[in-house]
Amino acid sequence: MNLKALCQEAGLSFYDQELLSENGKKIYRIYVMKEGGVSLDDCARLSEILSPIFDVESPVSGEYFLEVSSPGLERKLSTKDHFAKSLGENVKITTNEKEKIKAKIIRVDEEDIILEDLENKEELIIKISNIKKARTFIQW
């Protein structure tokens, strides 16, 4: 099963997936994006496409609930693709050395993220492998 292709069939772009437990229930959550934002109808349409497929070829073992959601405006970035889909957005990064950076994502290369520091407007280059935690944020 190709989750990315199934998302595209619904007019959406696959962002991420996670399996979590809330109140003793297993939840398989798929995050999707779309230019202009993801609507409730978009999530329902993808869920209708995936449900019969997952009935035959379950993505997880045991009983679970399927949720389709937008990752939100302030979202976790953990892959090169996540950074690439967030070009021009502000990000808070914590490096493996515990350095905290607030910057705008300018470019993503094979191994690096190129940023513009929000305070002094200097260009920063950080190795993706050196990022411990990253999240987009909205500055009001």
Protein backbone atom coordinates (compact mmCIF):
# COMPACT_ATOMS: atom_id res chain seq x y z
CA MET A 1 0.00 0.00 0.00
CA ASN A 2 1.36 3.39 -0.98
CA LEU A 3 0.04 5.92 1.54
CA LYS A 4 1.49 8.91 -0.35
CA ALA A 5 -0.30 7.89 -3.57
CA LEU A 6 -3.59 7.35 -1.71
CA CYS A 7 -3.30 10.83 -0.18
CA GLN A 8 -2.67 12.29 -3.64
CA GLU A 9 -5.80 10.52 -4.89
CA ALA A 10 -7.74 12.58 -2.34
CA GLY A 11 -5.98 15.79 -3.46
CA LEU A 12 -3.78 15.86 -0.37
CA SER A 13 -0.08 15.64 0.39
CA PHE A 14 1.08 13.08 2.97
CA TYR A 15 2.95 14.74 5.88
CA ASP A 16 3.44 12.16 8.63
CA GLN A 17 1.89 9.29 10.57
CA GLU A 18 1.95 8.17 14.18
CA LEU A 19 0.59 5.46 16.39
CA LEU A 20 -0.36 6.53 19.89
CA SER A 21 -2.44 5.50 22.81
CA GLU A 22 -5.04 7.84 24.34
CA ASN A 23 -7.32 6.74 27.18
CA GLY A 24 -6.36 3.12 26.59
CA LYS A 25 -7.30 3.26 22.89
CA LYS A 26 -4.85 2.80 20.02
CA ILE A 27 -5.00 5.64 17.46
CA TYR A 28 -3.36 5.51 14.04
CA ARG A 29 -3.13 9.15 12.95
CA ILE A 30 -2.26 10.31 9.45
CA TYR A 31 -1.29 13.96 8.92
CA VAL A 32 -1.92 15.55 5.53
CA MET A 33 -1.40 18.97 3.97
CA LYS A 34 -2.95 20.90 1.09
CA GLU A 35 -2.30 24.27 -0.48
CA GLY A 36 -4.77 26.64 1.18
CA GLY A 37 -5.31 24.34 4.15
CA VAL A 38 -6.96 21.01 4.93
CA SER A 39 -10.73 20.96 5.49
CA LEU A 40 -12.87 18.53 7.46
CA ASP A 41 -14.25 17.27 4.13
CA ASP A 42 -10.68 16.54 2.95
CA CYS A 43 -10.04 14.44 6.06
CA ALA A 44 -13.36 12.60 5.68
CA ARG A 45 -12.70 11.88 1.98
CA LEU A 46 -9.26 10.38 2.71
CA SER A 47 -10.67 8.38 5.61
CA GLU A 48 -13.33 6.94 3.26
CA ILE A 49 -10.59 5.95 0.78
CA LEU A 50 -8.36 4.39 3.45
CA SER A 51 -10.90 2.57 5.65
CA PRO A 52 -11.80 -0.27 3.22
CA ILE A 53 -8.12 -0.72 2.30
CA PHE A 54 -7.11 -0.86 5.96
CA ASP A 55 -9.89 -3.40 6.63
CA VAL A 56 -8.02 -5.75 4.27
CA GLU A 57 -4.43 -4.63 4.92
CA SER A 58 -4.24 -3.18 8.44
CA PRO A 59 -1.43 -0.64 9.03
CA VAL A 60 -1.12 -1.73 12.69
CA SER A 61 -1.84 -4.89 14.66
CA GLY A 62 -4.90 -5.13 16.85
CA GLU A 63 -7.87 -2.84 17.19
CA TYR A 64 -7.32 0.86 16.48
CA PHE A 65 -9.06 4.07 15.49
CA LEU A 66 -8.08 5.83 12.26
CA GLU A 67 -7.74 9.62 12.38
CA VAL A 68 -6.89 11.88 9.47
CA SER A 69 -5.74 15.35 10.45
CA SER A 70 -3.83 18.44 9.43
CA PRO A 71 -0.47 18.77 11.21
CA GLY A 72 -1.52 22.33 12.14
CA LEU A 73 0.15 25.69 11.77
CA GLU A 74 2.58 24.98 14.59
CA ARG A 75 3.85 21.50 13.89
CA LYS A 76 6.73 19.17 14.63
CA LEU A 77 9.46 18.92 12.00
CA SER A 78 11.44 15.70 12.10
CA THR A 79 12.43 14.88 8.51
CA LYS A 80 14.14 16.66 5.64
CA ASP A 81 10.79 16.54 3.80
CA HIS A 82 9.06 18.28 6.74
CA PHE A 83 11.58 21.15 6.53
CA ALA A 84 11.22 21.34 2.73
CA LYS A 85 7.41 21.62 3.05
CA SER A 86 7.91 24.48 5.54
CA LEU A 87 10.07 26.84 3.45
CA GLY A 88 9.55 30.47 4.44
CA GLU A 89 8.09 29.55 7.83
CA ASN A 90 9.48 30.38 11.26
CA VAL A 91 10.95 27.54 13.26
CA LYS A 92 12.23 26.91 16.78
CA ILE A 93 15.13 24.47 16.78
CA THR A 94 16.96 22.80 19.63
CA THR A 95 20.26 21.29 18.55
CA ASN A 96 21.91 18.20 20.02
CA GLU A 97 24.19 20.63 21.93
CA LYS A 98 21.04 22.21 23.50
CA GLU A 99 21.45 25.44 21.50
CA LYS A 100 18.06 27.11 20.92
CA ILE A 101 17.48 28.92 17.62
CA LYS A 102 14.54 30.92 16.27
CA ALA A 103 14.79 31.42 12.54
CA LYS A 104 13.06 31.35 9.16
CA ILE A 105 13.64 28.36 6.87
CA ILE A 106 15.29 29.63 3.68
CA ARG A 107 16.46 26.47 1.94
CA VAL A 108 16.91 22.75 2.49
CA ASP A 109 19.89 20.92 1.01
CA GLU A 110 20.79 17.24 1.13
CA GLU A 111 22.19 17.37 4.69
CA ASP A 112 21.62 20.97 5.85
CA ILE A 113 18.88 23.42 6.70
CA ILE A 114 19.68 27.01 5.71
CA LEU A 115 18.01 29.54 8.01
CA GLU A 116 17.79 33.27 8.59
CA ASP A 117 18.16 34.11 12.30
CA LEU A 118 15.09 36.13 13.36
CA GLU A 119 17.06 38.44 15.67
CA ASN A 120 20.15 39.44 13.71
CA LYS A 121 19.07 38.35 10.18
CA GLU A 122 22.28 36.33 9.74
CA GLU A 123 22.29 33.16 7.66
CA LEU A 124 22.70 29.95 9.66
CA ILE A 125 23.45 26.50 8.35
CA ILE A 126 22.55 23.53 10.54
CA LYS A 127 23.09 19.86 9.76
CA ILE A 128 19.79 17.98 9.84
CA SER A 129 21.54 15.27 11.87
CA ASN A 130 22.38 17.91 14.53
CA ILE A 131 18.72 18.84 15.15
CA LYS A 132 17.27 17.33 18.31
CA LYS A 133 13.87 19.03 18.15
CA ALA A 134 12.19 21.43 15.70
CA ARG A 135 8.75 23.00 15.47
CA THR A 136 7.20 25.71 13.30
CA PHE A 137 5.70 28.67 15.12
CA ILE A 138 3.55 31.67 14.35
CA GLN A 139 4.92 35.04 15.38
CA TRP A 140 2.19 37.57 16.15
